Amino acid sequence: MTVSYDDDSAANVAQAAYFRVELHAQRRLLLHEIGKRQALIDRPSDAARRQRASVHSAEAELRHLDRLIGRLDNRFPAGDS
């Protein structure tokens, strides 16, 4: 038994049109979701990540300064001018 796929019956054409419309609708929804997620990734998290990095860097610099001040205080106690 041979099955022919050349038969463009009205049902096959209608079904193909239906699936095409559904697939395009699904594609539009997916693109919309990707756009929303990209906007969320680009704005808040990048800004927050940069701010967190800046704070961590400042805290590290502060600890370094505290160590230097502590060494100076040990070597040259306050009040001995």
PDB file of N, CA and C in Angstrom:
ATOM      1  N   MET A   1       0.840  -1.183   0.000  1.00  0.00           N
ATOM      2  CA  MET A   1       0.000   0.000   0.000  1.00  0.00           C
ATOM      3  C   MET A   1       0.879   1.239   0.000  1.00  0.00           C
ATOM      4  N   THR A   2       0.665   2.104  -0.923  1.00  0.00           N
ATOM      5  CA  THR A   2       1.424   3.337  -1.056  1.00  0.00           C
ATOM      6  C   THR A   2       0.555   4.511  -0.628  1.00  0.00           C
ATOM      7  N   VAL A   3       1.150   5.380   0.231  1.00  0.00           N
ATOM      8  CA  VAL A   3       0.427   6.566   0.686  1.00  0.00           C
ATOM      9  C   VAL A   3       0.965   7.751  -0.092  1.00  0.00           C
ATOM     10  N   SER A   4       0.076   8.491  -0.658  1.00  0.00           N
ATOM     11  CA  SER A   4       0.471   9.670  -1.427  1.00  0.00           C
ATOM     12  C   SER A   4       0.247  10.931  -0.598  1.00  0.00           C
ATOM     13  N   TYR A   5       1.293  11.743  -0.488  1.00  0.00           N
ATOM     14  CA  TYR A   5       1.182  13.004   0.249  1.00  0.00           C
ATOM     15  C   TYR A   5       0.936  14.171  -0.697  1.00  0.00           C
ATOM     16  N   ASP A   6       0.690  13.876  -1.967  1.00  0.00           N
ATOM     17  CA  ASP A   6       0.411  14.923  -2.941  1.00  0.00           C
ATOM     18  C   ASP A   6      -1.042  15.336  -2.916  1.00  0.00           C
ATOM     19  N   ASP A   7      -1.827  14.658  -2.121  1.00  0.00           N
ATOM     20  CA  ASP A   7      -3.257  14.938  -2.053  1.00  0.00           C
ATOM     21  C   ASP A   7      -3.484  16.208  -1.237  1.00  0.00           C
ATOM     22  N   ASP A   8      -3.762  17.315  -1.922  1.00  0.00           N
ATOM     23  CA  ASP A   8      -4.018  18.590  -1.268  1.00  0.00           C
ATOM     24  C   ASP A   8      -5.507  18.763  -1.033  1.00  0.00           C
ATOM     25  N   SER A   9      -6.059  17.868  -0.240  1.00  0.00           N
ATOM     26  CA  SER A   9      -7.486  17.960   0.042  1.00  0.00           C
ATOM     27  C   SER A   9      -7.772  19.212   0.846  1.00  0.00           C
ATOM     28  N   ALA A  10      -8.980  19.638   0.821  1.00  0.00           N
ATOM     29  CA  ALA A  10      -9.395  20.840   1.542  1.00  0.00           C
ATOM     30  C   ALA A  10      -9.114  20.702   3.038  1.00  0.00           C
ATOM     31  N   ALA A  11      -9.265  19.512   3.596  1.00  0.00           N
ATOM     32  CA  ALA A  11      -9.009  19.290   5.017  1.00  0.00           C
ATOM     33  C   ALA A  11      -7.526  19.493   5.343  1.00  0.00           C
ATOM     34  N   ASN A  12      -6.635  18.972   4.500  1.00  0.00           N
ATOM     35  CA  ASN A  12      -5.198  19.135   4.724  1.00  0.00           C
ATOM     36  C   ASN A  12      -4.779  20.594   4.619  1.00  0.00           C
ATOM     37  N   VAL A  13      -5.323  21.294   3.645  1.00  0.00           N
ATOM     38  CA  VAL A  13      -5.008  22.713   3.465  1.00  0.00           C
ATOM     39  C   VAL A  13      -5.506  23.509   4.665  1.00  0.00           C
ATOM     40  N   ALA A  14      -6.712  23.215   5.113  1.00  0.00           N
ATOM     41  CA  ALA A  14      -7.276  23.924   6.262  1.00  0.00           C
ATOM     42  C   ALA A  14      -6.470  23.631   7.532  1.00  0.00           C
ATOM     43  N   GLN A  15      -6.100  22.381   7.705  1.00  0.00           N
ATOM     44  CA  GLN A  15      -5.319  22.005   8.884  1.00  0.00           C
ATOM     45  C   GLN A  15      -3.942  22.677   8.865  1.00  0.00           C
ATOM     46  N   ALA A  16      -3.315  22.727   7.725  1.00  0.00           N
ATOM     47  CA  ALA A  16      -2.017  23.398   7.598  1.00  0.00           C
ATOM     48  C   ALA A  16      -2.142  24.879   7.912  1.00  0.00           C
ATOM     49  N   ALA A  17      -3.207  25.506   7.405  1.00  0.00           N
ATOM     50  CA  ALA A  17      -3.424  26.926   7.685  1.00  0.00           C
ATOM     51  C   ALA A  17      -3.627  27.157   9.181  1.00  0.00           C
ATOM     52  N   TYR A  18      -4.393  26.279   9.816  1.00  0.00           N
ATOM     53  CA  TYR A  18      -4.643  26.389  11.253  1.00  0.00           C
ATOM     54  C   TYR A  18      -3.326  26.294  12.032  1.00  0.00           C
ATOM     55  N   PHE A  19      -2.520  25.276  11.731  1.00  0.00           N
ATOM     56  CA  PHE A  19      -1.256  25.115  12.442  1.00  0.00           C
ATOM     57  C   PHE A  19      -0.298  26.273  12.182  1.00  0.00           C
ATOM     58  N   ARG A  20      -0.306  26.782  10.957  1.00  0.00           N
ATOM     59  CA  ARG A  20       0.551  27.929  10.633  1.00  0.00           C
ATOM     60  C   ARG A  20       0.183  29.119  11.505  1.00  0.00           C
ATOM     61  N   VAL A  21      -1.133  29.390  11.611  1.00  0.00           N
ATOM     62  CA  VAL A  21      -1.601  30.511  12.441  1.00  0.00           C
ATOM     63  C   VAL A  21      -1.209  30.287  13.898  1.00  0.00           C
ATOM     64  N   GLU A  22      -1.403  29.079  14.401  1.00  0.00           N
ATOM     65  CA  GLU A  22      -1.066  28.756  15.790  1.00  0.00           C
ATOM     66  C   GLU A  22       0.429  28.877  16.049  1.00  0.00           C
ATOM     67  N   LEU A  23       1.235  28.397  15.125  1.00  0.00           N
ATOM     68  CA  LEU A  23       2.689  28.481  15.292  1.00  0.00           C
ATOM     69  C   LEU A  23       3.173  29.925  15.265  1.00  0.00           C
ATOM     70  N   HIS A  24       2.590  30.738  14.385  1.00  0.00           N
ATOM     71  CA  HIS A  24       2.959  32.164  14.359  1.00  0.00           C
ATOM     72  C   HIS A  24       2.541  32.852  15.651  1.00  0.00           C
ATOM     73  N   ALA A  25       1.375  32.511  16.179  1.00  0.00           N
ATOM     74  CA  ALA A  25       0.920  33.091  17.441  1.00  0.00           C
ATOM     75  C   ALA A  25       1.849  32.687  18.583  1.00  0.00           C
ATOM     76  N   GLN A  26       2.239  31.429  18.607  1.00  0.00           N
ATOM     77  CA  GLN A  26       3.152  30.941  19.631  1.00  0.00           C
ATOM     78  C   GLN A  26       4.507  31.630  19.512  1.00  0.00           C
ATOM     79  N   ARG A  27       4.949  31.848  18.289  1.00  0.00           N
ATOM     80  CA  ARG A  27       6.232  32.526  18.051  1.00  0.00           C
ATOM     81  C   ARG A  27       6.190  33.954  18.563  1.00  0.00           C
ATOM     82  N   ARG A  28       5.067  34.658  18.277  1.00  0.00           N
ATOM     83  CA  ARG A  28       4.926  36.036  18.767  1.00  0.00           C
ATOM     84  C   ARG A  28       4.947  36.085  20.294  1.00  0.00           C
ATOM     85  N   LEU A  29       4.245  35.144  20.939  1.00  0.00           N
ATOM     86  CA  LEU A  29       4.248  35.095  22.399  1.00  0.00           C
ATOM     87  C   LEU A  29       5.643  34.837  22.945  1.00  0.00           C
ATOM     88  N   LEU A  30       6.350  33.925  22.316  1.00  0.00           N
ATOM     89  CA  LEU A  30       7.703  33.607  22.756  1.00  0.00           C
ATOM     90  C   LEU A  30       8.622  34.816  22.607  1.00  0.00           C
ATOM     91  N   LEU A  31       8.533  35.511  21.480  1.00  0.00           N
ATOM     92  CA  LEU A  31       9.354  36.715  21.295  1.00  0.00           C
ATOM     93  C   LEU A  31       9.022  37.776  22.337  1.00  0.00           C
ATOM     94  N   HIS A  32       7.751  37.906  22.660  1.00  0.00           N
ATOM     95  CA  HIS A  32       7.326  38.863  23.683  1.00  0.00           C
ATOM     96  C   HIS A  32       7.920  38.487  25.046  1.00  0.00           C
ATOM     97  N   GLU A  33       7.851  37.217  25.405  1.00  0.00           N
ATOM     98  CA  GLU A  33       8.414  36.751  26.677  1.00  0.00           C
ATOM     99  C   GLU A  33       9.921  36.958  26.725  1.00  0.00           C
ATOM    100  N   ILE A  34      10.592  36.680  25.623  1.00  0.00           N
ATOM    101  CA  ILE A  34      12.044  36.890  25.563  1.00  0.00           C
ATOM    102  C   ILE A  34      12.361  38.362  25.762  1.00  0.00           C
ATOM    103  N   GLY A  35      11.597  39.232  25.117  1.00  0.00           N
ATOM    104  CA  GLY A  35      11.802  40.674  25.268  1.00  0.00           C
ATOM    105  C   GLY A  35      11.620  41.129  26.703  1.00  0.00           C
ATOM    106  N   LYS A  36      10.585  40.629  27.367  1.00  0.00           N
ATOM    107  CA  LYS A  36      10.351  41.003  28.764  1.00  0.00           C
ATOM    108  C   LYS A  36      11.478  40.516  29.659  1.00  0.00           C
ATOM    109  N   ARG A  37      11.906  39.293  29.455  1.00  0.00           N
ATOM    110  CA  ARG A  37      12.989  38.750  30.279  1.00  0.00           C
ATOM    111  C   ARG A  37      14.290  39.487  30.027  1.00  0.00           C
ATOM    112  N   GLN A  38      14.550  39.821  28.778  1.00  0.00           N
ATOM    113  CA  GLN A  38      15.781  40.547  28.451  1.00  0.00           C
ATOM    114  C   GLN A  38      15.788  41.901  29.131  1.00  0.00           C
ATOM    115  N   ALA A  39      14.635  42.572  29.129  1.00  0.00           N
ATOM    116  CA  ALA A  39      14.542  43.871  29.791  1.00  0.00           C
ATOM    117  C   ALA A  39      14.820  43.732  31.286  1.00  0.00           C
ATOM    118  N   LEU A  40      14.314  42.690  31.908  1.00  0.00           N
ATOM    119  CA  LEU A  40      14.559  42.469  33.329  1.00  0.00           C
ATOM    120  C   LEU A  40      16.021  42.160  33.599  1.00  0.00           C
ATOM    121  N   ILE A  41      16.634  41.398  32.721  1.00  0.00           N
ATOM    122  CA  ILE A  41      18.043  41.051  32.892  1.00  0.00           C
ATOM    123  C   ILE A  41      18.925  42.277  32.695  1.00  0.00           C
ATOM    124  N   ASP A  42      18.641  43.048  31.659  1.00  0.00           N
ATOM    125  CA  ASP A  42      19.499  44.183  31.322  1.00  0.00           C
ATOM    126  C   ASP A  42      19.461  45.290  32.360  1.00  0.00           C
ATOM    127  N   ARG A  43      18.270  45.645  32.814  1.00  0.00           N
ATOM    128  CA  ARG A  43      18.178  46.801  33.698  1.00  0.00           C
ATOM    129  C   ARG A  43      18.496  46.489  35.151  1.00  0.00           C
ATOM    130  N   PRO A  44      17.583  45.898  35.873  1.00  0.00           N
ATOM    131  CA  PRO A  44      17.786  45.800  37.311  1.00  0.00           C
ATOM    132  C   PRO A  44      18.989  44.966  37.742  1.00  0.00           C
ATOM    133  N   SER A  45      19.163  43.803  37.184  1.00  0.00           N
ATOM    134  CA  SER A  45      20.228  42.939  37.675  1.00  0.00           C
ATOM    135  C   SER A  45      21.610  43.481  37.338  1.00  0.00           C
ATOM    136  N   ASP A  46      21.769  44.087  36.166  1.00  0.00           N
ATOM    137  CA  ASP A  46      23.071  44.654  35.825  1.00  0.00           C
ATOM    138  C   ASP A  46      23.395  45.822  36.734  1.00  0.00           C
ATOM    139  N   ALA A  47      22.419  46.678  36.975  1.00  0.00           N
ATOM    140  CA  ALA A  47      22.640  47.826  37.862  1.00  0.00           C
ATOM    141  C   ALA A  47      22.938  47.336  39.268  1.00  0.00           C
ATOM    142  N   ALA A  48      22.175  46.359  39.727  1.00  0.00           N
ATOM    143  CA  ALA A  48      22.402  45.830  41.063  1.00  0.00           C
ATOM    144  C   ALA A  48      23.762  45.147  41.158  1.00  0.00           C
ATOM    145  N   ARG A  49      24.129  44.414  40.126  1.00  0.00           N
ATOM    146  CA  ARG A  49      25.433  43.731  40.122  1.00  0.00           C
ATOM    147  C   ARG A  49      26.572  44.744  40.181  1.00  0.00           C
ATOM    148  N   ARG A  50      26.452  45.819  39.403  1.00  0.00           N
ATOM    149  CA  ARG A  50      27.492  46.852  39.438  1.00  0.00           C
ATOM    150  C   ARG A  50      27.549  47.520  40.800  1.00  0.00           C
ATOM    151  N   GLN A  51      26.377  47.775  41.390  1.00  0.00           N
ATOM    152  CA  GLN A  51      26.347  48.389  42.710  1.00  0.00           C
ATOM    153  C   GLN A  51      26.957  47.470  43.761  1.00  0.00           C
ATOM    154  N   ARG A  52      26.614  46.174  43.687  1.00  0.00           N
ATOM    155  CA  ARG A  52      27.193  45.227  44.639  1.00  0.00           C
ATOM    156  C   ARG A  52      28.711  45.169  44.487  1.00  0.00           C
ATOM    157  N   ALA A  53      29.187  45.160  43.266  1.00  0.00           N
ATOM    158  CA  ALA A  53      30.637  45.119  43.026  1.00  0.00           C
ATOM    159  C   ALA A  53      31.301  46.377  43.566  1.00  0.00           C
ATOM    160  N   SER A  54      30.661  47.510  43.366  1.00  0.00           N
ATOM    161  CA  SER A  54      31.199  48.774  43.860  1.00  0.00           C
ATOM    162  C   SER A  54      31.260  48.789  45.382  1.00  0.00           C
ATOM    163  N   VAL A  55      30.218  48.290  46.022  1.00  0.00           N
ATOM    164  CA  VAL A  55      30.193  48.228  47.485  1.00  0.00           C
ATOM    165  C   VAL A  55      31.265  47.283  47.996  1.00  0.00           C
ATOM    166  N   HIS A  56      31.411  46.108  47.370  1.00  0.00           N
ATOM    167  CA  HIS A  56      32.438  45.153  47.802  1.00  0.00           C
ATOM    168  C   HIS A  56      33.832  45.742  47.643  1.00  0.00           C
ATOM    169  N   SER A  57      34.052  46.462  46.570  1.00  0.00           N
ATOM    170  CA  SER A  57      35.345  47.092  46.344  1.00  0.00           C
ATOM    171  C   SER A  57      35.624  48.157  47.407  1.00  0.00           C
ATOM    172  N   ALA A  58      34.623  48.963  47.701  1.00  0.00           N
ATOM    173  CA  ALA A  58      34.777  49.999  48.725  1.00  0.00           C
ATOM    174  C   ALA A  58      35.020  49.374  50.098  1.00  0.00           C
ATOM    175  N   GLU A  59      34.326  48.258  50.408  1.00  0.00           N
ATOM    176  CA  GLU A  59      34.534  47.583  51.690  1.00  0.00           C
ATOM    177  C   GLU A  59      35.949  47.019  51.790  1.00  0.00           C
ATOM    178  N   ALA A  60      36.467  46.486  50.700  1.00  0.00           N
ATOM    179  CA  ALA A  60      37.841  45.962  50.693  1.00  0.00           C
ATOM    180  C   ALA A  60      38.832  47.095  50.903  1.00  0.00           C
ATOM    181  N   GLU A  61      38.600  48.217  50.260  1.00  0.00           N
ATOM    182  CA  GLU A  61      39.485  49.367  50.426  1.00  0.00           C
ATOM    183  C   GLU A  61      39.420  49.882  51.861  1.00  0.00           C
ATOM    184  N   LEU A  62      38.221  49.884  52.446  1.00  0.00           N
ATOM    185  CA  LEU A  62      38.056  50.314  53.828  1.00  0.00           C
ATOM    186  C   LEU A  62      38.827  49.404  54.787  1.00  0.00           C
ATOM    187  N   ARG A  63      38.743  48.083  54.574  1.00  0.00           N
ATOM    188  CA  ARG A  63      39.505  47.151  55.413  1.00  0.00           C
ATOM    189  C   ARG A  63      41.015  47.382  55.275  1.00  0.00           C
ATOM    190  N   HIS A  64      41.471  47.656  54.062  1.00  0.00           N
ATOM    191  CA  HIS A  64      42.886  47.937  53.836  1.00  0.00           C
ATOM    192  C   HIS A  64      43.301  49.200  54.588  1.00  0.00           C
ATOM    193  N   LEU A  65      42.487  50.240  54.507  1.00  0.00           N
ATOM    194  CA  LEU A  65      42.795  51.477  55.237  1.00  0.00           C
ATOM    195  C   LEU A  65      42.805  51.245  56.742  1.00  0.00           C
ATOM    196  N   ASP A  66      41.851  50.453  57.248  1.00  0.00           N
ATOM    197  CA  ASP A  66      41.811  50.134  58.681  1.00  0.00           C
ATOM    198  C   ASP A  66      43.087  49.434  59.115  1.00  0.00           C
ATOM    199  N   ARG A  67      43.594  48.511  58.278  1.00  0.00           N
ATOM    200  CA  ARG A  67      44.855  47.826  58.605  1.00  0.00           C
ATOM    201  C   ARG A  67      46.021  48.816  58.635  1.00  0.00           C
ATOM    202  N   LEU A  68      46.066  49.704  57.660  1.00  0.00           N
ATOM    203  CA  LEU A  68      47.153  50.695  57.636  1.00  0.00           C
ATOM    204  C   LEU A  68      47.088  51.611  58.862  1.00  0.00           C
ATOM    205  N   ILE A  69      45.888  52.055  59.202  1.00  0.00           N
ATOM    206  CA  ILE A  69      45.718  52.913  60.384  1.00  0.00           C
ATOM    207  C   ILE A  69      46.111  52.145  61.643  1.00  0.00           C
ATOM    208  N   GLY A  70      45.701  50.883  61.724  1.00  0.00           N
ATOM    209  CA  GLY A  70      46.076  50.061  62.877  1.00  0.00           C
ATOM    210  C   GLY A  70      47.580  49.919  63.007  1.00  0.00           C
ATOM    211  N   ARG A  71      48.270  49.727  61.911  1.00  0.00           N
ATOM    212  CA  ARG A  71      49.743  49.616  61.946  1.00  0.00           C
ATOM    213  C   ARG A  71      50.385  50.931  62.387  1.00  0.00           C
ATOM    214  N   LEU A  72      49.843  52.038  61.874  1.00  0.00           N
ATOM    215  CA  LEU A  72      50.361  53.342  62.302  1.00  0.00           C
ATOM    216  C   LEU A  72      50.132  53.558  63.793  1.00  0.00           C
ATOM    217  N   ASP A  73      48.913  53.208  64.271  1.00  0.00           N
ATOM    218  CA  ASP A  73      48.603  53.352  65.698  1.00  0.00           C
ATOM    219  C   ASP A  73      49.531  52.492  66.549  1.00  0.00           C
ATOM    220  N   ASN A  74      49.860  51.280  66.066  1.00  0.00           N
ATOM    221  CA  ASN A  74      50.779  50.418  66.823  1.00  0.00           C
ATOM    222  C   ASN A  74      52.181  50.976  66.826  1.00  0.00           C
ATOM    223  N   ARG A  75      52.629  51.500  65.757  1.00  0.00           N
ATOM    224  CA  ARG A  75      54.005  52.013  65.628  1.00  0.00           C
ATOM    225  C   ARG A  75      54.146  53.372  66.283  1.00  0.00           C
ATOM    226  N   PHE A  76      53.116  54.205  66.098  1.00  0.00           N
ATOM    227  CA  PHE A  76      53.129  55.568  66.639  1.00  0.00           C
ATOM    228  C   PHE A  76      51.834  55.779  67.434  1.00  0.00           C
ATOM    229  N   PRO A  77      51.822  55.365  68.693  1.00  0.00           N
ATOM    230  CA  PRO A  77      50.602  55.485  69.492  1.00  0.00           C
ATOM    231  C   PRO A  77      50.076  56.916  69.517  1.00  0.00           C
ATOM    232  N   ALA A  78      48.753  57.050  69.536  1.00  0.00           N
ATOM    233  CA  ALA A  78      48.109  58.378  69.561  1.00  0.00           C
ATOM    234  C   ALA A  78      48.507  59.080  70.846  1.00  0.00           C
ATOM    235  N   GLY A  79      48.695  60.416  70.769  1.00  0.00           N
ATOM    236  CA  GLY A  79      49.079  61.205  71.940  1.00  0.00           C
ATOM    237  C   GLY A  79      50.575  61.405  72.053  1.00  0.00           C
ATOM    238  N   ASP A  80      51.373  60.742  71.173  1.00  0.00           N
ATOM    239  CA  ASP A  80      52.844  60.913  71.215  1.00  0.00           C
ATOM    240  C   ASP A  80      53.258  61.801  70.050  1.00  0.00           C
ATOM    241  N   SER A  81      52.877  63.036  70.043  1.00  0.00           N
ATOM    242  CA  SER A  81      53.233  63.905  68.949  1.00  0.00           C
ATOM    243  C   SER A  81      54.600  64.468  69.112  1.00  0.00           C
TER     244      SER A  81
END
